[in-house]
Amino acid sequence: MMPDSIDLTIIFPALLAGLLVLATHVPLGAQVLKRGIVFIDLAIAQIAALGVIMAGMADLDPQGWMVQVAAGSAAVLGAFLLTWTEKRWPEVQEAQIGVLFVLAATGGLLLLAHNPHGGEHLRDLLSGQILWVSYAQLLLPAIGTVAILLALRFFNARIGRLGFYLIFALAVTASVQLVGVYLVFASLIVPSLGARNHPEARRLPLAFGIGIGAYVIGLVLSLLFDLPSGALIVWCLAGLAVLVYSLGPKAEVKTI
């Protein structure tokens, strides 16, 4: 597709979806890195995706609110489980998160094993279909985003372990159906990684800049070259994060 034939209004709903994801995932990503539980996003996102698959097996409307309830319920149950495992066996929490991710991922494979469209459905959940998001699909995620941001703003110091996991579960539930598991994870972790060595006051703005820039560039490139939007945005996130990190203060090398 030639540049002069592109209608950039096509990407506006997708860009708005990306901004909603970044609004919650960038601040949560900073907390995840601080807590050292990087793979929690993959685990919770995969559990939410498992809820979507189970809702599909019940013939629920893919765009209906019942699917949101199913995904949210699955994610919240996962949050309760991870809260319990962190309290019971904190020294191996990262490993437990990994096991939960694998169980949720393979559970989805088993549930879709006899579905003739299972492979396509699973691919959509993992890589997402952000370019085809409509404005109507953004209403519930927008409400959820506002609620999560208010909770982070007013209760951040008193959230605690369970509160953090529950807020995280709700944020991921809304995001995974918009942009897919891979892009949810990348939006959470990559911007914060790129900004981590900059002065603390600049980290959040830089992380948002990485995220917004990557979504804009990735969506435009996907139109130009007819390539999967989600995958391109992930690579753009990584590229911009490396650039921002390289322009920041050099990390001290620890010697033994």
C-alpha atoms as a PDB file:
ATOM      1  CA  MET A   1       0.000   0.000   0.000  1.00  0.00           C
ATOM      2  CA  MET A   2       1.388   3.398  -1.013  1.00  0.00           C
ATOM      3  CA  PRO A   3       1.541   6.225   1.577  1.00  0.00           C
ATOM      4  CA  ASP A   4      -0.768   8.521  -0.421  1.00  0.00           C
ATOM      5  CA  SER A   5      -3.517   5.882  -0.383  1.00  0.00           C
ATOM      6  CA  ILE A   6      -3.572   5.398   3.396  1.00  0.00           C
ATOM      7  CA  ASP A   7      -6.512   6.641   5.414  1.00  0.00           C
ATOM      8  CA  LEU A   8      -4.955   7.275   8.823  1.00  0.00           C
ATOM      9  CA  THR A   9      -8.384   7.563  10.452  1.00  0.00           C
ATOM     10  CA  ILE A  10      -8.461   3.761  10.292  1.00  0.00           C
ATOM     11  CA  ILE A  11      -5.934   3.564  13.104  1.00  0.00           C
ATOM     12  CA  PHE A  12      -7.650   6.019  15.474  1.00  0.00           C
ATOM     13  CA  PRO A  13      -9.721   3.380  17.379  1.00  0.00           C
ATOM     14  CA  ALA A  14      -6.658   1.122  17.604  1.00  0.00           C
ATOM     15  CA  LEU A  15      -4.507   4.001  18.847  1.00  0.00           C
ATOM     16  CA  LEU A  16      -7.122   4.879  21.454  1.00  0.00           C
ATOM     17  CA  ALA A  17      -7.138   1.229  22.567  1.00  0.00           C
ATOM     18  CA  GLY A  18      -3.364   1.385  22.907  1.00  0.00           C
ATOM     19  CA  LEU A  19      -3.558   4.560  24.982  1.00  0.00           C
ATOM     20  CA  LEU A  20      -6.063   2.905  27.323  1.00  0.00           C
ATOM     21  CA  VAL A  21      -3.722  -0.057  27.753  1.00  0.00           C
ATOM     22  CA  LEU A  22      -0.706   2.173  28.374  1.00  0.00           C
ATOM     23  CA  ALA A  23      -2.585   4.355  30.874  1.00  0.00           C
ATOM     24  CA  THR A  24      -2.711   1.484  33.369  1.00  0.00           C
ATOM     25  CA  HIS A  25       0.129  -0.756  32.239  1.00  0.00           C
ATOM     26  CA  VAL A  26       2.961   1.785  32.369  1.00  0.00           C
ATOM     27  CA  PRO A  27       2.497   2.623  36.100  1.00  0.00           C
ATOM     28  CA  LEU A  28       1.747  -1.013  36.900  1.00  0.00           C
ATOM     29  CA  GLY A  29       4.842  -2.071  34.973  1.00  0.00           C
ATOM     30  CA  ALA A  30       7.028   0.064  37.210  1.00  0.00           C
ATOM     31  CA  GLN A  31       5.528  -1.716  40.239  1.00  0.00           C
ATOM     32  CA  VAL A  32       6.052  -5.128  38.659  1.00  0.00           C
ATOM     33  CA  LEU A  33       9.746  -4.439  38.041  1.00  0.00           C
ATOM     34  CA  LYS A  34      10.143  -3.158  41.601  1.00  0.00           C
ATOM     35  CA  ARG A  35       8.468  -6.258  43.036  1.00  0.00           C
ATOM     36  CA  GLY A  36      10.484  -8.612  40.811  1.00  0.00           C
ATOM     37  CA  ILE A  37       7.450 -10.477  39.464  1.00  0.00           C
ATOM     38  CA  VAL A  38       7.867  -9.746  35.763  1.00  0.00           C
ATOM     39  CA  PHE A  39       5.921 -12.714  34.438  1.00  0.00           C
ATOM     40  CA  ILE A  40       2.791 -12.026  36.462  1.00  0.00           C
ATOM     41  CA  ASP A  41       1.366 -10.170  33.460  1.00  0.00           C
ATOM     42  CA  LEU A  42       1.749 -13.155  31.160  1.00  0.00           C
ATOM     43  CA  ALA A  43       0.166 -15.441  33.732  1.00  0.00           C
ATOM     44  CA  ILE A  44      -2.839 -13.215  34.494  1.00  0.00           C
ATOM     45  CA  ALA A  45      -3.330 -12.381  30.804  1.00  0.00           C
ATOM     46  CA  GLN A  46      -3.291 -16.064  29.905  1.00  0.00           C
ATOM     47  CA  ILE A  47      -5.792 -16.831  32.679  1.00  0.00           C
ATOM     48  CA  ALA A  48      -8.072 -14.054  31.394  1.00  0.00           C
ATOM     49  CA  ALA A  49      -7.732 -15.517  27.893  1.00  0.00           C
ATOM     50  CA  LEU A  50      -8.731 -18.897  29.330  1.00  0.00           C
ATOM     51  CA  GLY A  51     -11.884 -17.252  30.681  1.00  0.00           C
ATOM     52  CA  VAL A  52     -12.615 -15.874  27.198  1.00  0.00           C
ATOM     53  CA  ILE A  53     -12.190 -19.351  25.694  1.00  0.00           C
ATOM     54  CA  MET A  54     -14.578 -20.865  28.254  1.00  0.00           C
ATOM     55  CA  ALA A  55     -17.107 -18.116  27.523  1.00  0.00           C
ATOM     56  CA  GLY A  56     -16.822 -18.927  23.819  1.00  0.00           C
ATOM     57  CA  MET A  57     -17.521 -22.594  24.531  1.00  0.00           C
ATOM     58  CA  ALA A  58     -20.722 -21.464  26.250  1.00  0.00           C
ATOM     59  CA  ASP A  59     -21.767 -19.661  23.018  1.00  0.00           C
ATOM     60  CA  LEU A  60     -21.717 -16.225  24.629  1.00  0.00           C
ATOM     61  CA  ASP A  61     -21.581 -13.128  22.430  1.00  0.00           C
ATOM     62  CA  PRO A  62     -17.839 -12.413  21.867  1.00  0.00           C
ATOM     63  CA  GLN A  63     -18.515  -8.671  22.200  1.00  0.00           C
ATOM     64  CA  GLY A  64     -20.983  -8.987  25.073  1.00  0.00           C
ATOM     65  CA  TRP A  65     -20.472  -8.060  28.691  1.00  0.00           C
ATOM     66  CA  MET A  66     -20.744 -11.696  29.821  1.00  0.00           C
ATOM     67  CA  VAL A  67     -17.426 -12.442  28.157  1.00  0.00           C
ATOM     68  CA  GLN A  68     -15.891  -9.580  30.132  1.00  0.00           C
ATOM     69  CA  VAL A  69     -17.354 -11.077  33.308  1.00  0.00           C
ATOM     70  CA  ALA A  70     -15.944 -14.516  32.446  1.00  0.00           C
ATOM     71  CA  ALA A  71     -12.483 -13.123  31.690  1.00  0.00           C
ATOM     72  CA  GLY A  72     -12.536 -10.905  34.775  1.00  0.00           C
ATOM     73  CA  SER A  73     -13.671 -13.720  37.038  1.00  0.00           C
ATOM     74  CA  ALA A  74     -10.900 -15.995  35.793  1.00  0.00           C
ATOM     75  CA  ALA A  75      -8.297 -13.252  36.258  1.00  0.00           C
ATOM     76  CA  VAL A  76      -9.521 -12.412  39.780  1.00  0.00           C
ATOM     77  CA  LEU A  77      -9.382 -16.090  40.766  1.00  0.00           C
ATOM     78  CA  GLY A  78      -5.825 -16.141  39.440  1.00  0.00           C
ATOM     79  CA  ALA A  79      -5.042 -13.048  41.503  1.00  0.00           C
ATOM     80  CA  PHE A  80      -6.360 -14.704  44.674  1.00  0.00           C
ATOM     81  CA  LEU A  81      -4.317 -17.806  43.920  1.00  0.00           C
ATOM     82  CA  LEU A  82      -1.115 -15.818  43.360  1.00  0.00           C
ATOM     83  CA  THR A  83      -1.728 -13.859  46.560  1.00  0.00           C
ATOM     84  CA  TRP A  84      -1.969 -17.124  48.468  1.00  0.00           C
ATOM     85  CA  THR A  85       1.132 -18.647  46.845  1.00  0.00           C
ATOM     86  CA  GLU A  86       3.184 -15.496  47.546  1.00  0.00           C
ATOM     87  CA  LYS A  87       2.135 -15.624  51.199  1.00  0.00           C
ATOM     88  CA  ARG A  88       2.741 -19.378  51.477  1.00  0.00           C
ATOM     89  CA  TRP A  89       5.942 -19.754  49.398  1.00  0.00           C
ATOM     90  CA  PRO A  90       7.342 -16.237  48.718  1.00  0.00           C
ATOM     91  CA  GLU A  91      10.832 -17.487  47.885  1.00  0.00           C
ATOM     92  CA  VAL A  92       9.602 -19.238  44.699  1.00  0.00           C
ATOM     93  CA  GLN A  93       6.828 -16.852  43.646  1.00  0.00           C
ATOM     94  CA  GLU A  94       8.318 -16.152  40.200  1.00  0.00           C
ATOM     95  CA  ALA A  95       8.494 -19.890  39.498  1.00  0.00           C
ATOM     96  CA  GLN A  96       4.896 -20.344  40.660  1.00  0.00           C
ATOM     97  CA  ILE A  97       3.785 -17.552  38.327  1.00  0.00           C
ATOM     98  CA  GLY A  98       5.513 -19.369  35.461  1.00  0.00           C
ATOM     99  CA  VAL A  99       3.805 -22.648  36.301  1.00  0.00           C
ATOM    100  CA  LEU A 100       0.409 -20.933  36.424  1.00  0.00           C
ATOM    101  CA  PHE A 101       1.074 -19.383  33.002  1.00  0.00           C
ATOM    102  CA  VAL A 102       1.936 -22.766  31.493  1.00  0.00           C
ATOM    103  CA  LEU A 103      -1.152 -24.380  33.015  1.00  0.00           C
ATOM    104  CA  ALA A 104      -3.437 -21.638  31.682  1.00  0.00           C
ATOM    105  CA  ALA A 105      -1.830 -21.746  28.231  1.00  0.00           C
ATOM    106  CA  THR A 106      -2.055 -25.513  27.891  1.00  0.00           C
ATOM    107  CA  GLY A 107      -5.567 -25.458  29.364  1.00  0.00           C
ATOM    108  CA  GLY A 108      -6.595 -23.227  26.474  1.00  0.00           C
ATOM    109  CA  LEU A 109      -5.053 -25.666  24.000  1.00  0.00           C
ATOM    110  CA  LEU A 110      -6.989 -28.544  25.532  1.00  0.00           C
ATOM    111  CA  LEU A 111     -10.290 -26.654  25.493  1.00  0.00           C
ATOM    112  CA  LEU A 112      -9.842 -25.715  21.822  1.00  0.00           C
ATOM    113  CA  ALA A 113      -8.497 -29.102  20.712  1.00  0.00           C
ATOM    114  CA  HIS A 114     -11.751 -30.126  18.985  1.00  0.00           C
ATOM    115  CA  ASN A 115     -12.793 -26.670  17.828  1.00  0.00           C
ATOM    116  CA  PRO A 116     -12.365 -26.342  14.022  1.00  0.00           C
ATOM    117  CA  HIS A 117     -11.561 -22.652  14.464  1.00  0.00           C
ATOM    118  CA  GLY A 118      -9.523 -23.163  17.642  1.00  0.00           C
ATOM    119  CA  GLY A 119      -6.170 -22.283  16.091  1.00  0.00           C
ATOM    120  CA  GLU A 120      -7.471 -18.998  14.706  1.00  0.00           C
ATOM    121  CA  HIS A 121      -9.180 -18.129  17.990  1.00  0.00           C
ATOM    122  CA  LEU A 122      -6.028 -18.857  19.979  1.00  0.00           C
ATOM    123  CA  ARG A 123      -3.911 -16.779  17.601  1.00  0.00           C
ATOM    124  CA  ASP A 124      -6.270 -13.829  17.996  1.00  0.00           C
ATOM    125  CA  LEU A 125      -6.055 -14.049  21.790  1.00  0.00           C
ATOM    126  CA  LEU A 126      -2.262 -14.164  21.715  1.00  0.00           C
ATOM    127  CA  SER A 127      -1.387 -11.648  19.000  1.00  0.00           C
ATOM    128  CA  GLY A 128      -4.625  -9.641  19.113  1.00  0.00           C
ATOM    129  CA  GLN A 129      -6.568  -7.811  16.416  1.00  0.00           C
ATOM    130  CA  ILE A 130      -5.939  -4.256  17.542  1.00  0.00           C
ATOM    131  CA  LEU A 131      -6.287  -2.750  14.068  1.00  0.00           C
ATOM    132  CA  TRP A 132      -9.917  -3.887  13.906  1.00  0.00           C
ATOM    133  CA  VAL A 133     -10.985  -2.541  17.294  1.00  0.00           C
ATOM    134  CA  SER A 134     -14.132  -0.399  17.095  1.00  0.00           C
ATOM    135  CA  TYR A 135     -15.066   2.620  19.207  1.00  0.00           C
ATOM    136  CA  ALA A 136     -17.976   0.646  20.710  1.00  0.00           C
ATOM    137  CA  GLN A 137     -15.540  -1.934  22.111  1.00  0.00           C
ATOM    138  CA  LEU A 138     -13.669   0.763  24.020  1.00  0.00           C
ATOM    139  CA  LEU A 139     -16.490   1.882  26.329  1.00  0.00           C
ATOM    140  CA  LEU A 140     -16.129  -0.768  29.049  1.00  0.00           C
ATOM    141  CA  PRO A 141     -12.288  -0.726  28.968  1.00  0.00           C
ATOM    142  CA  ALA A 142     -12.372   3.074  29.257  1.00  0.00           C
ATOM    143  CA  ILE A 143     -14.587   2.895  32.360  1.00  0.00           C
ATOM    144  CA  GLY A 144     -12.326   0.238  33.843  1.00  0.00           C
ATOM    145  CA  THR A 145      -9.225   2.290  33.086  1.00  0.00           C
ATOM    146  CA  VAL A 146     -10.624   5.333  34.897  1.00  0.00           C
ATOM    147  CA  ALA A 147     -11.549   3.198  37.921  1.00  0.00           C
ATOM    148  CA  ILE A 148      -8.081   1.602  38.055  1.00  0.00           C
ATOM    149  CA  LEU A 149      -6.288   4.942  37.739  1.00  0.00           C
ATOM    150  CA  LEU A 150      -8.399   6.392  40.556  1.00  0.00           C
ATOM    151  CA  ALA A 151      -7.572   3.398  42.746  1.00  0.00           C
ATOM    152  CA  LEU A 152      -3.862   3.789  42.015  1.00  0.00           C
ATOM    153  CA  ARG A 153      -4.045   7.518  42.661  1.00  0.00           C
ATOM    154  CA  PHE A 154      -5.860   7.468  45.997  1.00  0.00           C
ATOM    155  CA  PHE A 155      -5.052   4.047  47.483  1.00  0.00           C
ATOM    156  CA  ASN A 156      -1.595   3.235  46.111  1.00  0.00           C
ATOM    157  CA  ALA A 157       0.137   3.385  49.495  1.00  0.00           C
ATOM    158  CA  ARG A 158      -2.496   1.129  51.104  1.00  0.00           C
ATOM    159  CA  ILE A 159      -3.172  -1.347  48.321  1.00  0.00           C
ATOM    160  CA  GLY A 160      -1.190  -4.249  49.764  1.00  0.00           C
ATOM    161  CA  ARG A 161      -0.424  -7.558  48.103  1.00  0.00           C
ATOM    162  CA  LEU A 162      -4.013  -8.675  47.423  1.00  0.00           C
ATOM    163  CA  GLY A 163      -5.123  -5.252  46.263  1.00  0.00           C
ATOM    164  CA  PHE A 164      -2.228  -5.043  43.804  1.00  0.00           C
ATOM    165  CA  TYR A 165      -3.007  -8.438  42.314  1.00  0.00           C
ATOM    166  CA  LEU A 166      -6.724  -7.629  42.000  1.00  0.00           C
ATOM    167  CA  ILE A 167      -6.088  -4.281  40.307  1.00  0.00           C
ATOM    168  CA  PHE A 168      -3.595  -5.976  38.048  1.00  0.00           C
ATOM    169  CA  ALA A 169      -6.109  -8.686  37.148  1.00  0.00           C
ATOM    170  CA  LEU A 170      -8.789  -6.152  36.224  1.00  0.00           C
ATOM    171  CA  ALA A 171      -6.351  -4.116  34.109  1.00  0.00           C
ATOM    172  CA  VAL A 172      -5.197  -7.172  32.191  1.00  0.00           C
ATOM    173  CA  THR A 173      -8.760  -8.442  31.688  1.00  0.00           C
ATOM    174  CA  ALA A 174      -9.723  -5.347  29.742  1.00  0.00           C
ATOM    175  CA  SER A 175      -6.454  -5.199  27.809  1.00  0.00           C
ATOM    176  CA  VAL A 176      -6.076  -8.772  26.635  1.00  0.00           C
ATOM    177  CA  GLN A 177      -9.272  -8.721  24.590  1.00  0.00           C
ATOM    178  CA  LEU A 178      -8.261  -5.470  22.914  1.00  0.00           C
ATOM    179  CA  VAL A 179      -4.626  -6.084  22.015  1.00  0.00           C
ATOM    180  CA  GLY A 180      -3.784  -9.721  22.830  1.00  0.00           C
ATOM    181  CA  VAL A 181      -1.522 -11.429  25.355  1.00  0.00           C
ATOM    182  CA  TYR A 182       1.802 -10.580  23.694  1.00  0.00           C
ATOM    183  CA  LEU A 183       1.130  -6.858  23.396  1.00  0.00           C
ATOM    184  CA  VAL A 184      -0.264  -6.682  26.929  1.00  0.00           C
ATOM    185  CA  PHE A 185       2.993  -8.111  28.285  1.00  0.00           C
ATOM    186  CA  ALA A 186       5.168  -5.872  26.104  1.00  0.00           C
ATOM    187  CA  SER A 187       3.176  -2.740  27.040  1.00  0.00           C
ATOM    188  CA  LEU A 188       3.640  -3.526  30.710  1.00  0.00           C
ATOM    189  CA  ILE A 189       7.340  -4.406  30.824  1.00  0.00           C
ATOM    190  CA  VAL A 190       9.205  -2.876  27.875  1.00  0.00           C
ATOM    191  CA  PRO A 191       8.574   0.882  28.455  1.00  0.00           C
ATOM    192  CA  SER A 192       9.630   0.637  32.097  1.00  0.00           C
ATOM    193  CA  LEU A 193      12.737  -1.330  31.126  1.00  0.00           C
ATOM    194  CA  GLY A 194      13.747   1.352  28.654  1.00  0.00           C
ATOM    195  CA  ALA A 195      13.356   4.166  31.181  1.00  0.00           C
ATOM    196  CA  ARG A 196      14.762   2.430  34.259  1.00  0.00           C
ATOM    197  CA  ASN A 197      18.211   4.102  34.353  1.00  0.00           C
ATOM    198  CA  HIS A 198      16.916   7.635  33.876  1.00  0.00           C
ATOM    199  CA  PRO A 199      16.284   9.951  36.859  1.00  0.00           C
ATOM    200  CA  GLU A 200      13.204   8.831  38.762  1.00  0.00           C
ATOM    201  CA  ALA A 201      11.190  11.948  37.930  1.00  0.00           C
ATOM    202  CA  ARG A 202      11.614  11.258  34.200  1.00  0.00           C
ATOM    203  CA  ARG A 203      10.946   7.519  34.157  1.00  0.00           C
ATOM    204  CA  LEU A 204       7.167   7.606  33.920  1.00  0.00           C
ATOM    205  CA  PRO A 205       7.015  10.300  31.184  1.00  0.00           C
ATOM    206  CA  LEU A 206       9.713   8.497  29.194  1.00  0.00           C
ATOM    207  CA  ALA A 207       7.919   5.161  29.568  1.00  0.00           C
ATOM    208  CA  PHE A 208       4.698   6.721  28.302  1.00  0.00           C
ATOM    209  CA  GLY A 209       6.640   8.284  25.428  1.00  0.00           C
ATOM    210  CA  ILE A 210       8.070   4.892  24.461  1.00  0.00           C
ATOM    211  CA  GLY A 211       4.623   3.314  24.558  1.00  0.00           C
ATOM    212  CA  ILE A 212       2.784   6.021  22.629  1.00  0.00           C
ATOM    213  CA  GLY A 213       5.516   6.308  20.015  1.00  0.00           C
ATOM    214  CA  ALA A 214       5.596   2.549  19.476  1.00  0.00           C
ATOM    215  CA  TYR A 215       1.837   2.286  19.034  1.00  0.00           C
ATOM    216  CA  VAL A 216       1.761   5.157  16.533  1.00  0.00           C
ATOM    217  CA  ILE A 217       4.736   3.894  14.511  1.00  0.00           C
ATOM    218  CA  GLY A 218       3.638   0.259  14.639  1.00  0.00           C
ATOM    219  CA  LEU A 219       0.085   0.993  13.489  1.00  0.00           C
ATOM    220  CA  VAL A 220       1.255   3.192  10.618  1.00  0.00           C
ATOM    221  CA  LEU A 221       3.822   0.605   9.497  1.00  0.00           C
ATOM    222  CA  SER A 222       1.212  -2.129   9.642  1.00  0.00           C
ATOM    223  CA  LEU A 223      -0.896  -0.159   7.164  1.00  0.00           C
ATOM    224  CA  LEU A 224       2.076   0.619   4.928  1.00  0.00           C
ATOM    225  CA  PHE A 225       3.379  -2.936   4.693  1.00  0.00           C
ATOM    226  CA  ASP A 226       0.243  -4.982   5.461  1.00  0.00           C
ATOM    227  CA  LEU A 227       1.860  -6.729   8.425  1.00  0.00           C
ATOM    228  CA  PRO A 228       0.351  -7.821  11.787  1.00  0.00           C
ATOM    229  CA  SER A 229      -0.142  -4.713  13.917  1.00  0.00           C
ATOM    230  CA  GLY A 230       0.419  -6.337  17.311  1.00  0.00           C
ATOM    231  CA  ALA A 231       3.734  -7.920  16.327  1.00  0.00           C
ATOM    232  CA  LEU A 232       5.006  -4.678  14.786  1.00  0.00           C
ATOM    233  CA  ILE A 233       4.086  -2.669  17.871  1.00  0.00           C
ATOM    234  CA  VAL A 234       5.972  -5.138  20.090  1.00  0.00           C
ATOM    235  CA  TRP A 235       9.102  -4.656  17.976  1.00  0.00           C
ATOM    236  CA  CYS A 236       8.639  -0.884  17.951  1.00  0.00           C
ATOM    237  CA  LEU A 237       8.340  -0.941  21.752  1.00  0.00           C
ATOM    238  CA  ALA A 238      11.599  -2.867  21.985  1.00  0.00           C
ATOM    239  CA  GLY A 239      13.394  -0.591  19.507  1.00  0.00           C
ATOM    240  CA  LEU A 240      12.320   2.647  21.197  1.00  0.00           C
ATOM    241  CA  ALA A 241      13.102   1.208  24.638  1.00  0.00           C
ATOM    242  CA  VAL A 242      16.659   0.371  23.525  1.00  0.00           C
ATOM    243  CA  LEU A 243      17.041   3.883  22.084  1.00  0.00           C
ATOM    244  CA  VAL A 244      15.790   5.613  25.247  1.00  0.00           C
ATOM    245  CA  TYR A 245      17.935   3.381  27.453  1.00  0.00           C
ATOM    246  CA  SER A 246      21.046   4.081  25.347  1.00  0.00           C
ATOM    247  CA  LEU A 247      20.496   7.836  25.666  1.00  0.00           C
ATOM    248  CA  GLY A 248      20.206   7.678  29.453  1.00  0.00           C
ATOM    249  CA  PRO A 249      22.845   7.542  32.181  1.00  0.00           C
ATOM    250  CA  LYS A 250      25.108   4.533  31.972  1.00  0.00           C
ATOM    251  CA  ALA A 251      24.417   1.829  34.536  1.00  0.00           C
ATOM    252  CA  GLU A 252      27.227   0.996  36.899  1.00  0.00           C
ATOM    253  CA  VAL A 253      28.823  -2.340  36.125  1.00  0.00           C
ATOM    254  CA  LYS A 254      29.124  -4.502  39.216  1.00  0.00           C
ATOM    255  CA  THR A 255      32.447  -6.290  39.582  1.00  0.00           C
ATOM    256  CA  ILE A 256      33.064  -9.384  41.599  1.00  0.00           C
END
